[in-house]
Amino acid sequence: AVVAGAKEFKKLLDKYEGMIVPCADGTLDEIEERGVEVLEALLPRECASPGKEREVDSALLFLIYPLNIVPPGSAMAKTILRRVDEQLSGKIGLRRYNGDGYWCKDFKERFAVHGKYTKVATSDQDIAIRNKLAKPGEEAQWCIFDSTLSSIYGLLYKDTKDYDDLKRQQFHFGRSLAQVTGPECPSGAWHLPEC
């Protein structure tokens, strides 16, 4: 996101002559260059920091769309798409990452104090503790990622006219629509729950 932000800010500077840049000359170029270097060394992994290693995370999809840091037709994008699909797809949606304890099965009960949910993990230690409670297959399946995948595969199909890309686009679009709640849902109709 930092690389995308630097690129977009540079576009604004080109468009609106005379804008004041809140940093020294060359800083935005350096941010972009260093960010690209980090991504090239890191991808397709999400994190390589000791103790926080994560090989695949659905958030990587945002680098493809809407940020367009990883071009949709690139080999890296295809690797990210394959890994997310193979490792994070659930019956209803996609896990953010394997072992994610946020909104996992019985999340409210596990984190309730006096019957009320009270705390969001804010530190690395809190997140690690929370994630230990998640059992494989009980992680939340998030609805945002199917629509993101649908958009990515739509962009791919637009460029390649590959029927498999169209099928994947339609598959994820259909899953996105299926995630919208109906009138029988206790929370009400027309919601997008985290499953």
C-alpha atoms as a PDB file:
ATOM      1  CA  ALA A   1       0.000   0.000   0.000  1.00  0.00           C
ATOM      2  CA  VAL A   2       2.930   2.346   0.674  1.00  0.00           C
ATOM      3  CA  VAL A   3       4.258   1.853  -2.858  1.00  0.00           C
ATOM      4  CA  ALA A   4       0.799   2.476  -4.314  1.00  0.00           C
ATOM      5  CA  GLY A   5       0.415   5.585  -2.144  1.00  0.00           C
ATOM      6  CA  ALA A   6       3.743   7.012  -3.313  1.00  0.00           C
ATOM      7  CA  LYS A   7       2.834   6.341  -6.962  1.00  0.00           C
ATOM      8  CA  GLU A   8      -0.583   7.966  -6.607  1.00  0.00           C
ATOM      9  CA  PHE A   9       0.825  11.000  -4.803  1.00  0.00           C
ATOM     10  CA  LYS A  10       3.361  11.479  -7.611  1.00  0.00           C
ATOM     11  CA  LYS A  11       0.459  11.439 -10.099  1.00  0.00           C
ATOM     12  CA  LEU A  12      -1.261  14.188  -8.103  1.00  0.00           C
ATOM     13  CA  LEU A  13       1.916  16.251  -8.177  1.00  0.00           C
ATOM     14  CA  ASP A  14       2.086  15.876 -11.957  1.00  0.00           C
ATOM     15  CA  LYS A  15      -1.567  16.829 -12.321  1.00  0.00           C
ATOM     16  CA  TYR A  16      -1.630  19.810  -9.967  1.00  0.00           C
ATOM     17  CA  GLU A  17       1.384  22.000 -10.544  1.00  0.00           C
ATOM     18  CA  GLY A  18       2.483  23.931  -7.472  1.00  0.00           C
ATOM     19  CA  MET A  19       1.340  21.396  -4.880  1.00  0.00           C
ATOM     20  CA  ILE A  20       3.479  21.415  -1.784  1.00  0.00           C
ATOM     21  CA  VAL A  21       5.207  18.099  -1.211  1.00  0.00           C
ATOM     22  CA  PRO A  22       5.393  17.192   2.495  1.00  0.00           C
ATOM     23  CA  CYS A  23       8.859  15.659   2.138  1.00  0.00           C
ATOM     24  CA  ALA A  24      12.292  16.320   0.669  1.00  0.00           C
ATOM     25  CA  ASP A  25      12.887  16.084  -3.079  1.00  0.00           C
ATOM     26  CA  GLY A  26      13.329  12.484  -4.171  1.00  0.00           C
ATOM     27  CA  THR A  27      11.665  11.001  -1.086  1.00  0.00           C
ATOM     28  CA  LEU A  28       8.648   9.656  -2.970  1.00  0.00           C
ATOM     29  CA  ASP A  29      10.909   8.061  -5.593  1.00  0.00           C
ATOM     30  CA  GLU A  30      13.012   6.489  -2.842  1.00  0.00           C
ATOM     31  CA  ILE A  31       9.925   5.186  -1.017  1.00  0.00           C
ATOM     32  CA  GLU A  32       8.692   3.622  -4.240  1.00  0.00           C
ATOM     33  CA  GLU A  33      12.086   2.126  -5.142  1.00  0.00           C
ATOM     34  CA  ARG A  34      12.716   0.675  -1.674  1.00  0.00           C
ATOM     35  CA  GLY A  35       9.157  -0.619  -1.440  1.00  0.00           C
ATOM     36  CA  VAL A  36       9.494  -2.395  -4.777  1.00  0.00           C
ATOM     37  CA  GLU A  37      12.813  -3.917  -3.632  1.00  0.00           C
ATOM     38  CA  VAL A  38      11.197  -5.223  -0.446  1.00  0.00           C
ATOM     39  CA  LEU A  39       8.252  -6.681  -2.364  1.00  0.00           C
ATOM     40  CA  GLU A  40      10.537  -8.328  -4.917  1.00  0.00           C
ATOM     41  CA  ALA A  41      12.470 -10.003  -2.097  1.00  0.00           C
ATOM     42  CA  LEU A  42       9.355 -10.960  -0.133  1.00  0.00           C
ATOM     43  CA  LEU A  43       6.693 -12.010  -2.616  1.00  0.00           C
ATOM     44  CA  PRO A  44       4.851 -14.324  -2.944  1.00  0.00           C
ATOM     45  CA  ARG A  45       5.117 -14.532   0.862  1.00  0.00           C
ATOM     46  CA  GLU A  46       3.162 -12.101   3.018  1.00  0.00           C
ATOM     47  CA  CYS A  47       5.681 -11.819   5.851  1.00  0.00           C
ATOM     48  CA  ALA A  48       9.184 -13.157   6.462  1.00  0.00           C
ATOM     49  CA  SER A  49       9.927 -11.460   9.794  1.00  0.00           C
ATOM     50  CA  PRO A  50      11.158 -13.998  12.369  1.00  0.00           C
ATOM     51  CA  GLY A  51       8.292 -15.250  14.486  1.00  0.00           C
ATOM     52  CA  LYS A  52       5.701 -13.730  12.153  1.00  0.00           C
ATOM     53  CA  GLU A  53       6.345 -15.752   8.997  1.00  0.00           C
ATOM     54  CA  ARG A  54       3.304 -16.138   6.787  1.00  0.00           C
ATOM     55  CA  GLU A  55       3.580 -17.818   3.415  1.00  0.00           C
ATOM     56  CA  VAL A  56       0.152 -16.862   2.093  1.00  0.00           C
ATOM     57  CA  ASP A  57      -2.417 -14.245   3.045  1.00  0.00           C
ATOM     58  CA  SER A  58      -5.511 -13.180   1.128  1.00  0.00           C
ATOM     59  CA  ALA A  59      -4.478  -9.541   1.644  1.00  0.00           C
ATOM     60  CA  LEU A  60      -1.845 -10.138  -1.057  1.00  0.00           C
ATOM     61  CA  LEU A  61      -4.710 -10.043  -3.558  1.00  0.00           C
ATOM     62  CA  PHE A  62      -4.974  -6.284  -2.991  1.00  0.00           C
ATOM     63  CA  LEU A  63      -1.482  -5.867  -4.472  1.00  0.00           C
ATOM     64  CA  ILE A  64      -2.987  -7.164  -7.718  1.00  0.00           C
ATOM     65  CA  TYR A  65      -6.307  -5.341  -7.453  1.00  0.00           C
ATOM     66  CA  PRO A  66      -7.056  -2.555  -6.724  1.00  0.00           C
ATOM     67  CA  LEU A  67      -3.477  -1.380  -6.038  1.00  0.00           C
ATOM     68  CA  ASN A  68      -2.008  -2.761  -9.293  1.00  0.00           C
ATOM     69  CA  ILE A  69       1.438  -3.135  -7.737  1.00  0.00           C
ATOM     70  CA  VAL A  70       1.594  -6.700  -9.053  1.00  0.00           C
ATOM     71  CA  PRO A  71       0.238  -6.698 -12.629  1.00  0.00           C
ATOM     72  CA  PRO A  72      -2.703  -9.137 -12.980  1.00  0.00           C
ATOM     73  CA  GLY A  73      -1.145 -11.128 -15.836  1.00  0.00           C
ATOM     74  CA  SER A  74       2.314 -11.442 -14.295  1.00  0.00           C
ATOM     75  CA  ALA A  75       3.858 -14.707 -13.145  1.00  0.00           C
ATOM     76  CA  MET A  76       3.861 -13.354  -9.578  1.00  0.00           C
ATOM     77  CA  ALA A  77       0.140 -12.570  -9.726  1.00  0.00           C
ATOM     78  CA  LYS A  78      -0.563 -16.088 -10.991  1.00  0.00           C
ATOM     79  CA  THR A  79       1.500 -17.537  -8.132  1.00  0.00           C
ATOM     80  CA  ILE A  80      -0.378 -15.448  -5.558  1.00  0.00           C
ATOM     81  CA  LEU A  81      -3.749 -16.374  -7.084  1.00  0.00           C
ATOM     82  CA  ARG A  82      -2.909 -20.081  -7.139  1.00  0.00           C
ATOM     83  CA  ARG A  83      -1.595 -20.117  -3.563  1.00  0.00           C
ATOM     84  CA  VAL A  84      -4.563 -18.164  -2.162  1.00  0.00           C
ATOM     85  CA  ASP A  85      -7.026 -20.376  -4.019  1.00  0.00           C
ATOM     86  CA  GLU A  86      -5.344 -23.649  -3.035  1.00  0.00           C
ATOM     87  CA  GLN A  87      -4.533 -22.815   0.580  1.00  0.00           C
ATOM     88  CA  LEU A  88      -7.197 -20.359   1.767  1.00  0.00           C
ATOM     89  CA  SER A  89     -10.455 -21.190  -0.002  1.00  0.00           C
ATOM     90  CA  GLY A  90     -13.237 -22.397   2.258  1.00  0.00           C
ATOM     91  CA  LYS A  91     -16.761 -23.597   1.575  1.00  0.00           C
ATOM     92  CA  ILE A  92     -18.217 -20.091   1.916  1.00  0.00           C
ATOM     93  CA  GLY A  93     -15.374 -17.608   1.482  1.00  0.00           C
ATOM     94  CA  LEU A  94     -11.635 -17.251   1.918  1.00  0.00           C
ATOM     95  CA  ARG A  95      -9.618 -17.288   5.100  1.00  0.00           C
ATOM     96  CA  ARG A  96      -7.341 -14.291   5.586  1.00  0.00           C
ATOM     97  CA  TYR A  97      -4.578 -16.720   6.490  1.00  0.00           C
ATOM     98  CA  ASN A  98      -4.379 -20.180   7.983  1.00  0.00           C
ATOM     99  CA  GLY A  99      -4.501 -20.063  11.770  1.00  0.00           C
ATOM    100  CA  ASP A 100      -6.261 -16.671  11.869  1.00  0.00           C
ATOM    101  CA  GLY A 101      -8.136 -16.466  15.155  1.00  0.00           C
ATOM    102  CA  TYR A 102     -10.047 -13.268  14.413  1.00  0.00           C
ATOM    103  CA  TRP A 103     -13.763 -14.100  14.167  1.00  0.00           C
ATOM    104  CA  CYS A 104     -12.937 -17.815  14.240  1.00  0.00           C
ATOM    105  CA  LYS A 105     -15.584 -20.297  15.357  1.00  0.00           C
ATOM    106  CA  ASP A 106     -17.068 -19.262  18.721  1.00  0.00           C
ATOM    107  CA  PHE A 107     -14.965 -16.082  18.665  1.00  0.00           C
ATOM    108  CA  LYS A 108     -17.380 -14.025  20.756  1.00  0.00           C
ATOM    109  CA  GLU A 109     -17.613 -16.707  23.423  1.00  0.00           C
ATOM    110  CA  ARG A 110     -13.856 -17.268  23.556  1.00  0.00           C
ATOM    111  CA  PHE A 111     -13.157 -13.565  23.981  1.00  0.00           C
ATOM    112  CA  ALA A 112     -16.167 -12.597  26.105  1.00  0.00           C
ATOM    113  CA  VAL A 113     -15.950 -11.113  29.560  1.00  0.00           C
ATOM    114  CA  HIS A 114     -19.218 -11.183  31.524  1.00  0.00           C
ATOM    115  CA  GLY A 115     -21.051 -12.179  28.358  1.00  0.00           C
ATOM    116  CA  LYS A 116     -19.715  -9.301  26.242  1.00  0.00           C
ATOM    117  CA  TYR A 117     -16.957  -9.279  23.675  1.00  0.00           C
ATOM    118  CA  THR A 118     -14.448  -6.753  24.948  1.00  0.00           C
ATOM    119  CA  LYS A 119     -11.033  -6.876  23.327  1.00  0.00           C
ATOM    120  CA  VAL A 120      -9.478  -6.755  19.910  1.00  0.00           C
ATOM    121  CA  ALA A 121      -5.902  -7.994  19.716  1.00  0.00           C
ATOM    122  CA  THR A 122      -3.691  -4.982  19.202  1.00  0.00           C
ATOM    123  CA  SER A 123      -0.179  -6.254  19.863  1.00  0.00           C
ATOM    124  CA  ASP A 124       1.787  -9.015  18.188  1.00  0.00           C
ATOM    125  CA  GLN A 125       1.575 -10.961  21.451  1.00  0.00           C
ATOM    126  CA  ASP A 126      -2.239 -10.552  21.610  1.00  0.00           C
ATOM    127  CA  ILE A 127      -2.571 -11.708  18.002  1.00  0.00           C
ATOM    128  CA  ALA A 128      -0.363 -14.754  18.636  1.00  0.00           C
ATOM    129  CA  ILE A 129      -2.461 -15.718  21.671  1.00  0.00           C
ATOM    130  CA  ARG A 130      -5.709 -15.201  19.758  1.00  0.00           C
ATOM    131  CA  ASN A 131      -4.458 -17.216  16.783  1.00  0.00           C
ATOM    132  CA  LYS A 132      -3.577 -20.178  19.022  1.00  0.00           C
ATOM    133  CA  LEU A 133      -7.311 -20.532  19.695  1.00  0.00           C
ATOM    134  CA  ALA A 134      -8.105 -21.067  16.023  1.00  0.00           C
ATOM    135  CA  LYS A 135      -8.295 -24.668  14.978  1.00  0.00           C
ATOM    136  CA  PRO A 136      -7.643 -25.592  11.342  1.00  0.00           C
ATOM    137  CA  GLY A 137     -10.840 -25.151   9.369  1.00  0.00           C
ATOM    138  CA  GLU A 138     -12.461 -22.946  12.020  1.00  0.00           C
ATOM    139  CA  GLU A 139     -10.995 -19.652  10.792  1.00  0.00           C
ATOM    140  CA  ALA A 140     -13.428 -16.994   9.585  1.00  0.00           C
ATOM    141  CA  GLN A 141     -14.157 -17.011   5.862  1.00  0.00           C
ATOM    142  CA  TRP A 142     -14.250 -13.429   4.677  1.00  0.00           C
ATOM    143  CA  CYS A 143     -16.576 -12.237   1.935  1.00  0.00           C
ATOM    144  CA  ILE A 144     -14.343  -9.437   0.598  1.00  0.00           C
ATOM    145  CA  PHE A 145     -11.881 -11.756  -1.086  1.00  0.00           C
ATOM    146  CA  ASP A 146     -14.268 -13.500  -3.496  1.00  0.00           C
ATOM    147  CA  SER A 147     -15.302 -10.169  -5.010  1.00  0.00           C
ATOM    148  CA  THR A 148     -11.625  -9.188  -5.242  1.00  0.00           C
ATOM    149  CA  LEU A 149     -10.824 -12.473  -6.988  1.00  0.00           C
ATOM    150  CA  SER A 150     -13.777 -11.953  -9.325  1.00  0.00           C
ATOM    151  CA  SER A 151     -12.409  -8.522 -10.266  1.00  0.00           C
ATOM    152  CA  ILE A 152      -8.894  -9.880 -10.848  1.00  0.00           C
ATOM    153  CA  TYR A 153     -10.093 -12.747 -13.016  1.00  0.00           C
ATOM    154  CA  GLY A 154     -12.335 -10.306 -14.913  1.00  0.00           C
ATOM    155  CA  LEU A 155      -9.291  -8.139 -15.673  1.00  0.00           C
ATOM    156  CA  LEU A 156      -7.362 -11.209 -16.766  1.00  0.00           C
ATOM    157  CA  TYR A 157     -10.171 -12.353 -19.062  1.00  0.00           C
ATOM    158  CA  LYS A 158     -10.442  -8.865 -20.550  1.00  0.00           C
ATOM    159  CA  ASP A 159      -6.769  -9.087 -21.558  1.00  0.00           C
ATOM    160  CA  THR A 160      -6.371 -12.783 -22.385  1.00  0.00           C
ATOM    161  CA  LYS A 161      -9.834 -13.945 -23.483  1.00  0.00           C
ATOM    162  CA  ASP A 162      -8.885 -17.190 -21.719  1.00  0.00           C
ATOM    163  CA  TYR A 163     -12.096 -19.064 -20.932  1.00  0.00           C
ATOM    164  CA  ASP A 164     -10.623 -20.396 -17.649  1.00  0.00           C
ATOM    165  CA  ASP A 165     -10.229 -16.801 -16.432  1.00  0.00           C
ATOM    166  CA  LEU A 166     -13.872 -16.114 -17.299  1.00  0.00           C
ATOM    167  CA  LYS A 167     -14.976 -19.257 -15.435  1.00  0.00           C
ATOM    168  CA  ARG A 168     -12.968 -18.214 -12.346  1.00  0.00           C
ATOM    169  CA  GLN A 169     -14.414 -14.681 -12.564  1.00  0.00           C
ATOM    170  CA  GLN A 170     -17.963 -16.023 -12.697  1.00  0.00           C
ATOM    171  CA  PHE A 171     -17.300 -18.591  -9.960  1.00  0.00           C
ATOM    172  CA  HIS A 172     -16.054 -15.964  -7.498  1.00  0.00           C
ATOM    173  CA  PHE A 173     -18.784 -13.514  -8.503  1.00  0.00           C
ATOM    174  CA  GLY A 174     -21.382 -16.198  -7.787  1.00  0.00           C
ATOM    175  CA  ARG A 175     -19.791 -16.894  -4.405  1.00  0.00           C
ATOM    176  CA  SER A 176     -19.853 -13.166  -3.659  1.00  0.00           C
ATOM    177  CA  LEU A 177     -23.587 -13.012  -4.362  1.00  0.00           C
ATOM    178  CA  ALA A 178     -24.232 -16.158  -2.326  1.00  0.00           C
ATOM    179  CA  GLN A 179     -22.642 -14.517   0.715  1.00  0.00           C
ATOM    180  CA  VAL A 180     -25.363 -11.850   0.913  1.00  0.00           C
ATOM    181  CA  THR A 181     -27.822 -12.757   3.677  1.00  0.00           C
ATOM    182  CA  GLY A 182     -31.466 -13.484   2.938  1.00  0.00           C
ATOM    183  CA  PRO A 183     -34.607 -12.561   4.875  1.00  0.00           C
ATOM    184  CA  GLU A 184     -34.284 -15.636   7.100  1.00  0.00           C
ATOM    185  CA  CYS A 185     -30.985 -14.442   8.591  1.00  0.00           C
ATOM    186  CA  PRO A 186     -31.274 -13.422  12.278  1.00  0.00           C
ATOM    187  CA  SER A 187     -29.174 -10.332  11.506  1.00  0.00           C
ATOM    188  CA  GLY A 188     -31.458  -9.336   8.655  1.00  0.00           C
ATOM    189  CA  ALA A 189     -31.371  -9.435   4.896  1.00  0.00           C
ATOM    190  CA  TRP A 190     -28.834  -7.843   2.546  1.00  0.00           C
ATOM    191  CA  HIS A 191     -25.848  -8.087   4.864  1.00  0.00           C
ATOM    192  CA  LEU A 192     -22.398  -9.418   4.146  1.00  0.00           C
ATOM    193  CA  PRO A 193     -21.443 -11.383   7.257  1.00  0.00           C
ATOM    194  CA  GLU A 194     -18.058 -12.729   8.062  1.00  0.00           C
ATOM    195  CA  CYS A 195     -18.647 -16.455   8.123  1.00  0.00           C
END
